[in-house]
C-alpha atoms as a PDB file:
ATOM      1  CA  MET A   1     -68.496  -6.157 -17.248  1.00  0.00           C
ATOM      2  CA  ALA A   2     -67.039  -5.238 -13.844  1.00  0.00           C
ATOM      3  CA  SER A   3     -67.727  -7.469 -10.861  1.00  0.00           C
ATOM      4  CA  PRO A   4     -70.453  -6.280  -8.493  1.00  0.00           C
ATOM      5  CA  LYS A   5     -69.204  -4.227  -5.574  1.00  0.00           C
ATOM      6  CA  LYS A   6     -69.543  -5.931  -2.191  1.00  0.00           C
ATOM      7  CA  LEU A   7     -69.837  -3.736   0.862  1.00  0.00           C
ATOM      8  CA  PRO A   8     -68.205  -4.496   4.196  1.00  0.00           C
ATOM      9  CA  ARG A   9     -70.560  -6.089   6.722  1.00  0.00           C
ATOM     10  CA  GLU A  10     -70.947  -2.845   8.702  1.00  0.00           C
ATOM     11  CA  ASN A  11     -72.263  -1.093   5.558  1.00  0.00           C
ATOM     12  CA  ALA A  12     -74.574  -3.882   4.381  1.00  0.00           C
ATOM     13  CA  PHE A  13     -78.361  -3.508   4.177  1.00  0.00           C
ATOM     14  CA  TYR A  14     -80.144  -5.346   6.996  1.00  0.00           C
ATOM     15  CA  PHE A  15     -83.746  -6.481   6.513  1.00  0.00           C
ATOM     16  CA  PHE A  16     -86.230  -5.741   9.302  1.00  0.00           C
ATOM     17  CA  ILE A  17     -89.928  -6.608   9.611  1.00  0.00           C
ATOM     18  CA  SER A  18     -90.433  -3.645  11.947  1.00  0.00           C
ATOM     19  CA  ILE A  19     -88.262  -1.439  14.148  1.00  0.00           C
ATOM     20  CA  GLY A  20     -86.067  -3.727  16.241  1.00  0.00           C
ATOM     21  CA  ASN A  21     -87.374  -6.909  14.564  1.00  0.00           C
ATOM     22  CA  TYR A  22     -84.420  -8.104  12.431  1.00  0.00           C
ATOM     23  CA  THR A  23     -85.150 -10.930   9.976  1.00  0.00           C
ATOM     24  CA  GLY A  24     -81.622 -12.354  10.106  1.00  0.00           C
ATOM     25  CA  GLU A  25     -81.065 -11.462   6.417  1.00  0.00           C
ATOM     26  CA  SER A  26     -78.607  -8.918   5.045  1.00  0.00           C
ATOM     27  CA  ALA A  27     -77.293  -7.933   1.620  1.00  0.00           C
ATOM     28  CA  SER A  28     -73.816  -6.631   0.860  1.00  0.00           C
ATOM     29  CA  SER A  29     -74.253  -5.993  -2.885  1.00  0.00           C
ATOM     30  CA  LEU A  30     -76.966  -4.584  -5.130  1.00  0.00           C
ATOM     31  CA  GLU A  31     -77.375  -7.984  -6.814  1.00  0.00           C
ATOM     32  CA  GLU A  32     -77.849  -9.714  -3.435  1.00  0.00           C
ATOM     33  CA  PHE A  33     -80.288  -6.992  -2.287  1.00  0.00           C
ATOM     34  CA  CYS A  34     -82.440  -7.344  -5.420  1.00  0.00           C
ATOM     35  CA  GLY A  35     -82.532 -11.134  -5.105  1.00  0.00           C
ATOM     36  CA  LYS A  36     -83.520 -11.124  -1.459  1.00  0.00           C
ATOM     37  CA  ASN A  37     -85.976  -8.264  -1.907  1.00  0.00           C
ATOM     38  CA  LYS A  38     -87.701 -10.075  -4.798  1.00  0.00           C
ATOM     39  CA  ARG A  39     -88.069 -13.280  -2.720  1.00  0.00           C
ATOM     40  CA  GLY A  40     -89.831 -11.291   0.013  1.00  0.00           C
ATOM     41  CA  GLN A  41     -92.611 -10.113  -2.317  1.00  0.00           C
ATOM     42  CA  HIS A  42     -95.803 -12.186  -2.546  1.00  0.00           C
END
């Protein structure tokens, strides 16, 4: 299996609670995005 593609920081996904309210979390790969997105669900 190929290694997951990591995006450069400027192309990463940044998590926001609302417009202008950045959580401080970002994801630079699909695997990282899924992990962080799953943790945010309650």
